[in-house]
C-alpha atoms as a PDB file:
ATOM      1  CA  MET A   1      -8.546 -57.392 -43.445  1.00  0.00           C
ATOM      2  CA  ARG A   2     -10.193 -56.674 -40.095  1.00  0.00           C
ATOM      3  CA  LEU A   3      -7.272 -54.447 -39.121  1.00  0.00           C
ATOM      4  CA  ILE A   4      -7.639 -52.399 -42.317  1.00  0.00           C
ATOM      5  CA  SER A   5     -11.404 -52.119 -41.785  1.00  0.00           C
ATOM      6  CA  ALA A   6     -10.909 -51.037 -38.175  1.00  0.00           C
ATOM      7  CA  MET A   7      -8.345 -48.436 -39.239  1.00  0.00           C
ATOM      8  CA  MET A   8     -10.651 -47.091 -41.952  1.00  0.00           C
ATOM      9  CA  ILE A   9     -13.517 -46.794 -39.459  1.00  0.00           C
ATOM     10  CA  ALA A  10     -11.245 -44.984 -36.984  1.00  0.00           C
ATOM     11  CA  VAL A  11     -10.053 -42.546 -39.685  1.00  0.00           C
ATOM     12  CA  LEU A  12     -13.625 -41.906 -40.820  1.00  0.00           C
ATOM     13  CA  ALA A  13     -14.826 -41.337 -37.243  1.00  0.00           C
ATOM     14  CA  PHE A  14     -11.971 -38.890 -36.597  1.00  0.00           C
ATOM     15  CA  ALA A  15     -12.710 -37.023 -39.823  1.00  0.00           C
ATOM     16  CA  LEU A  16     -16.408 -36.731 -39.015  1.00  0.00           C
ATOM     17  CA  ALA A  17     -15.690 -35.594 -35.457  1.00  0.00           C
ATOM     18  CA  SER A  18     -13.394 -32.844 -36.683  1.00  0.00           C
ATOM     19  CA  CYS A  19     -16.107 -31.593 -39.072  1.00  0.00           C
ATOM     20  CA  SER A  20     -18.425 -30.857 -36.177  1.00  0.00           C
ATOM     21  CA  SER A  21     -16.026 -28.518 -34.394  1.00  0.00           C
ATOM     22  CA  LYS A  22     -17.222 -24.969 -33.933  1.00  0.00           C
ATOM     23  CA  PHE A  23     -13.655 -23.688 -34.274  1.00  0.00           C
ATOM     24  CA  ILE A  24     -12.286 -23.205 -37.763  1.00  0.00           C
ATOM     25  CA  THR A  25      -9.137 -21.615 -39.154  1.00  0.00           C
ATOM     26  CA  TYR A  26      -9.077 -18.556 -41.391  1.00  0.00           C
ATOM     27  CA  ASN A  27      -6.059 -17.723 -43.522  1.00  0.00           C
ATOM     28  CA  GLY A  28      -7.449 -14.960 -45.754  1.00  0.00           C
ATOM     29  CA  PRO A  29      -7.028 -11.189 -45.732  1.00  0.00           C
ATOM     30  CA  GLU A  30      -7.207  -9.484 -42.341  1.00  0.00           C
ATOM     31  CA  VAL A  31     -10.609  -8.148 -41.331  1.00  0.00           C
ATOM     32  CA  THR A  32      -9.839  -4.480 -40.635  1.00  0.00           C
ATOM     33  CA  ARG A  33     -13.403  -3.374 -39.850  1.00  0.00           C
ATOM     34  CA  VAL A  34     -16.822  -4.810 -39.126  1.00  0.00           C
ATOM     35  CA  ALA A  35     -19.524  -2.516 -40.542  1.00  0.00           C
ATOM     36  CA  VAL A  36     -23.080  -2.934 -39.248  1.00  0.00           C
ATOM     37  CA  PHE A  37     -26.006  -1.172 -40.926  1.00  0.00           C
ATOM     38  CA  LYS A  38     -28.936  -1.471 -38.546  1.00  0.00           C
ATOM     39  CA  GLU A  39     -31.672  -0.200 -40.867  1.00  0.00           C
ATOM     40  CA  ARG A  40     -30.642  -2.629 -43.631  1.00  0.00           C
ATOM     41  CA  ARG A  41     -30.049  -5.479 -41.133  1.00  0.00           C
ATOM     42  CA  LYS A  42     -26.667  -6.138 -42.791  1.00  0.00           C
ATOM     43  CA  MET A  43     -23.166  -6.686 -41.452  1.00  0.00           C
ATOM     44  CA  TYR A  44     -20.007  -6.642 -43.550  1.00  0.00           C
ATOM     45  CA  LEU A  45     -16.517  -7.895 -42.758  1.00  0.00           C
ATOM     46  CA  LEU A  46     -14.100  -5.583 -44.540  1.00  0.00           C
ATOM     47  CA  HIS A  47     -10.443  -5.650 -45.495  1.00  0.00           C
ATOM     48  CA  HIS A  48      -9.996  -1.897 -45.848  1.00  0.00           C
ATOM     49  CA  ASP A  49     -12.630  -1.071 -48.546  1.00  0.00           C
ATOM     50  CA  GLN A  50     -13.048  -4.640 -49.821  1.00  0.00           C
ATOM     51  CA  VAL A  51     -16.066  -6.624 -48.588  1.00  0.00           C
ATOM     52  CA  LEU A  52     -14.911 -10.087 -47.557  1.00  0.00           C
ATOM     53  CA  GLU A  53     -18.259 -11.363 -46.265  1.00  0.00           C
ATOM     54  CA  SER A  54     -21.781 -10.040 -45.731  1.00  0.00           C
ATOM     55  CA  TYR A  55     -24.462 -11.279 -43.359  1.00  0.00           C
ATOM     56  CA  ASP A  56     -28.131 -10.719 -42.611  1.00  0.00           C
ATOM     57  CA  ILE A  57     -28.467  -9.805 -38.933  1.00  0.00           C
ATOM     58  CA  GLU A  58     -30.961  -9.450 -36.130  1.00  0.00           C
ATOM     59  CA  LEU A  59     -30.718  -6.698 -33.541  1.00  0.00           C
ATOM     60  CA  GLY A  60     -32.055  -5.642 -30.162  1.00  0.00           C
ATOM     61  CA  PHE A  61     -35.817  -5.824 -29.672  1.00  0.00           C
ATOM     62  CA  GLU A  62     -36.039  -1.988 -29.923  1.00  0.00           C
ATOM     63  CA  PRO A  63     -33.613  -1.412 -32.801  1.00  0.00           C
ATOM     64  CA  LEU A  64     -34.226   2.289 -33.519  1.00  0.00           C
ATOM     65  CA  GLY A  65     -31.749   4.695 -31.956  1.00  0.00           C
ATOM     66  CA  HIS A  66     -28.526   4.381 -30.024  1.00  0.00           C
ATOM     67  CA  LYS A  67     -28.358   2.242 -26.886  1.00  0.00           C
ATOM     68  CA  GLN A  68     -28.382   4.589 -23.902  1.00  0.00           C
ATOM     69  CA  ILE A  69     -29.405   2.617 -20.836  1.00  0.00           C
ATOM     70  CA  GLU A  70     -29.485  -0.928 -19.608  1.00  0.00           C
ATOM     71  CA  GLY A  71     -32.604  -2.782 -20.684  1.00  0.00           C
ATOM     72  CA  ASP A  72     -33.649  -0.425 -23.504  1.00  0.00           C
ATOM     73  CA  GLY A  73     -33.330  -3.220 -26.099  1.00  0.00           C
ATOM     74  CA  ARG A  74     -31.333  -1.037 -28.465  1.00  0.00           C
ATOM     75  CA  THR A  75     -28.162  -1.924 -30.324  1.00  0.00           C
ATOM     76  CA  PRO A  76     -25.436   0.723 -29.893  1.00  0.00           C
ATOM     77  CA  GLU A  77     -24.388   3.063 -32.713  1.00  0.00           C
ATOM     78  CA  GLY A  78     -20.880   4.367 -33.240  1.00  0.00           C
ATOM     79  CA  ASP A  79     -17.356   3.001 -33.344  1.00  0.00           C
ATOM     80  CA  TYR A  80     -16.338   0.316 -30.883  1.00  0.00           C
ATOM     81  CA  LEU A  81     -13.717  -2.445 -30.747  1.00  0.00           C
ATOM     82  CA  VAL A  82     -13.876  -6.211 -30.495  1.00  0.00           C
ATOM     83  CA  ASP A  83     -12.601  -6.569 -26.936  1.00  0.00           C
ATOM     84  CA  ARG A  84     -13.244 -10.188 -25.937  1.00  0.00           C
ATOM     85  CA  ARG A  85     -14.283 -13.634 -27.101  1.00  0.00           C
ATOM     86  CA  ASN A  86     -16.563 -16.218 -25.551  1.00  0.00           C
ATOM     87  CA  PRO A  87     -16.086 -19.743 -26.896  1.00  0.00           C
ATOM     88  CA  ASN A  88     -18.697 -21.039 -24.422  1.00  0.00           C
ATOM     89  CA  SER A  89     -21.427 -18.509 -25.113  1.00  0.00           C
ATOM     90  CA  ALA A  90     -25.060 -19.399 -24.457  1.00  0.00           C
ATOM     91  CA  PHE A  91     -25.476 -18.161 -28.044  1.00  0.00           C
ATOM     92  CA  TYR A  92     -23.010 -20.641 -29.601  1.00  0.00           C
ATOM     93  CA  LEU A  93     -19.920 -18.405 -30.023  1.00  0.00           C
ATOM     94  CA  SER A  94     -19.629 -14.684 -29.408  1.00  0.00           C
ATOM     95  CA  ILE A  95     -17.269 -11.763 -29.765  1.00  0.00           C
ATOM     96  CA  GLY A  96     -17.660  -8.807 -27.438  1.00  0.00           C
ATOM     97  CA  ILE A  97     -18.044  -5.181 -28.468  1.00  0.00           C
ATOM     98  CA  SER A  98     -16.519  -2.486 -26.233  1.00  0.00           C
ATOM     99  CA  TYR A  99     -19.849  -0.797 -25.419  1.00  0.00           C
ATOM    100  CA  PRO A 100     -20.165   1.243 -23.250  1.00  0.00           C
ATOM    101  CA  ASN A 101     -17.438   3.730 -24.078  1.00  0.00           C
ATOM    102  CA  ALA A 102     -16.666   6.821 -21.956  1.00  0.00           C
ATOM    103  CA  ALA A 103     -19.358   8.932 -23.660  1.00  0.00           C
ATOM    104  CA  ASP A 104     -21.969   6.189 -23.185  1.00  0.00           C
ATOM    105  CA  ARG A 105     -21.118   5.911 -19.480  1.00  0.00           C
ATOM    106  CA  ALA A 106     -21.140   9.686 -19.011  1.00  0.00           C
ATOM    107  CA  TYR A 107     -24.567  10.096 -20.617  1.00  0.00           C
ATOM    108  CA  ALA A 108     -26.116   7.279 -18.591  1.00  0.00           C
ATOM    109  CA  ALA A 109     -24.596   8.701 -15.388  1.00  0.00           C
ATOM    110  CA  SER A 110     -25.990  12.147 -16.221  1.00  0.00           C
ATOM    111  CA  ILE A 111     -29.510  10.740 -16.119  1.00  0.00           C
ATOM    112  CA  GLY A 112     -28.840   8.482 -13.138  1.00  0.00           C
ATOM    113  CA  LYS A 113     -28.972   5.212 -15.079  1.00  0.00           C
ATOM    114  CA  SER A 114     -26.655   2.339 -16.002  1.00  0.00           C
ATOM    115  CA  PRO A 115     -25.548   2.209 -19.653  1.00  0.00           C
ATOM    116  CA  GLY A 116     -25.723  -1.575 -19.663  1.00  0.00           C
ATOM    117  CA  GLY A 117     -23.075  -3.702 -21.321  1.00  0.00           C
ATOM    118  CA  ASP A 118     -22.337  -7.210 -22.546  1.00  0.00           C
ATOM    119  CA  ILE A 119     -23.004  -6.340 -26.177  1.00  0.00           C
ATOM    120  CA  PHE A 120     -21.867  -9.129 -28.499  1.00  0.00           C
ATOM    121  CA  ILE A 121     -21.997 -10.419 -32.027  1.00  0.00           C
ATOM    122  CA  HIS A 122     -23.253 -13.948 -31.491  1.00  0.00           C
ATOM    123  CA  GLY A 123     -25.064 -16.969 -32.864  1.00  0.00           C
ATOM    124  CA  ARG A 124     -28.779 -17.620 -32.815  1.00  0.00           C
ATOM    125  CA  PRO A 125     -30.557 -20.091 -30.499  1.00  0.00           C
ATOM    126  CA  LYS A 126     -33.141 -22.474 -31.906  1.00  0.00           C
ATOM    127  CA  ALA A 127     -36.066 -20.393 -30.651  1.00  0.00           C
ATOM    128  CA  PHE A 128     -35.038 -17.558 -32.982  1.00  0.00           C
ATOM    129  CA  ARG A 129     -33.862 -19.469 -36.045  1.00  0.00           C
ATOM    130  CA  ASN A 130     -36.570 -18.035 -38.310  1.00  0.00           C
ATOM    131  CA  GLY A 131     -34.341 -14.968 -38.721  1.00  0.00           C
ATOM    132  CA  GLU A 132     -37.331 -12.646 -39.077  1.00  0.00           C
ATOM    133  CA  ASP A 133     -37.560 -10.678 -35.839  1.00  0.00           C
ATOM    134  CA  ASP A 134     -35.219  -8.523 -33.777  1.00  0.00           C
ATOM    135  CA  TRP A 135     -35.019 -10.253 -30.432  1.00  0.00           C
ATOM    136  CA  THR A 136     -31.694  -9.650 -28.679  1.00  0.00           C
ATOM    137  CA  ALA A 137     -31.153  -7.392 -25.661  1.00  0.00           C
ATOM    138  CA  GLY A 138     -28.976  -5.140 -27.872  1.00  0.00           C
ATOM    139  CA  CYS A 139     -26.597  -7.602 -29.486  1.00  0.00           C
ATOM    140  CA  ILE A 140     -26.104  -8.483 -33.154  1.00  0.00           C
ATOM    141  CA  ALA A 141     -27.160 -12.032 -34.076  1.00  0.00           C
ATOM    142  CA  VAL A 142     -26.227 -14.215 -37.052  1.00  0.00           C
ATOM    143  CA  THR A 143     -26.598 -17.930 -37.745  1.00  0.00           C
ATOM    144  CA  ASP A 144     -24.343 -20.326 -35.862  1.00  0.00           C
ATOM    145  CA  LYS A 145     -22.586 -21.304 -39.103  1.00  0.00           C
ATOM    146  CA  GLU A 146     -21.913 -17.645 -39.883  1.00  0.00           C
ATOM    147  CA  MET A 147     -20.693 -17.114 -36.322  1.00  0.00           C
ATOM    148  CA  ARG A 148     -18.089 -19.853 -36.802  1.00  0.00           C
ATOM    149  CA  ASP A 149     -16.666 -17.876 -39.728  1.00  0.00           C
ATOM    150  CA  ILE A 150     -16.861 -14.530 -37.941  1.00  0.00           C
ATOM    151  CA  TYR A 151     -15.213 -15.936 -34.806  1.00  0.00           C
ATOM    152  CA  ALA A 152     -12.321 -17.209 -36.930  1.00  0.00           C
ATOM    153  CA  MET A 153     -11.977 -14.098 -39.101  1.00  0.00           C
ATOM    154  CA  VAL A 154     -12.371 -11.202 -36.656  1.00  0.00           C
ATOM    155  CA  ASN A 155      -9.582 -10.541 -34.168  1.00  0.00           C
ATOM    156  CA  ASN A 156      -9.661  -8.690 -30.879  1.00  0.00           C
ATOM    157  CA  GLY A 157      -8.974  -5.014 -31.509  1.00  0.00           C
ATOM    158  CA  THR A 158     -10.917  -4.924 -34.795  1.00  0.00           C
ATOM    159  CA  VAL A 159     -13.047  -1.783 -35.196  1.00  0.00           C
ATOM    160  CA  VAL A 160     -16.815  -2.354 -35.214  1.00  0.00           C
ATOM    161  CA  SER A 161     -18.708   0.557 -36.801  1.00  0.00           C
ATOM    162  CA  ILE A 162     -22.446   0.442 -36.145  1.00  0.00           C
ATOM    163  CA  TYR A 163     -24.571   2.777 -38.251  1.00  0.00           C
ATOM    164  CA  PRO A 164     -28.282   3.644 -37.824  1.00  0.00           C
END
């Protein structure tokens, strides 16, 4: 009887431990585009024209306009690609966006500035869990639970279209 009880406890502990993992598996339709609508504070994961998931988002602390220089607090606008993943992000999980592109770099250089970089879709730290204010340095933030899904669903190379 003790052996059965010990085995049941071990199975239960393993099951509970696996529930807390931030890495999940996704086996649904391929996400072919991430569409971000800054003014509406919405992000959609699309399979061609079909919306698979939608999320409320937070943006850079100066959300109006296209990101042009490092430190401006703006979230970029335009078409980019998911180009990297960070499983150990300070913001839970994150997927990188290929900002700056050649045009972004050229504009910043023309005015003698850096375009900045390190733009991600990422989770939300406890200090910003109210979900009411734009607070990032130019990134797109969602809840940690939502980020688990996004991290599993969106592959490197996926187009990210960011609209005003």
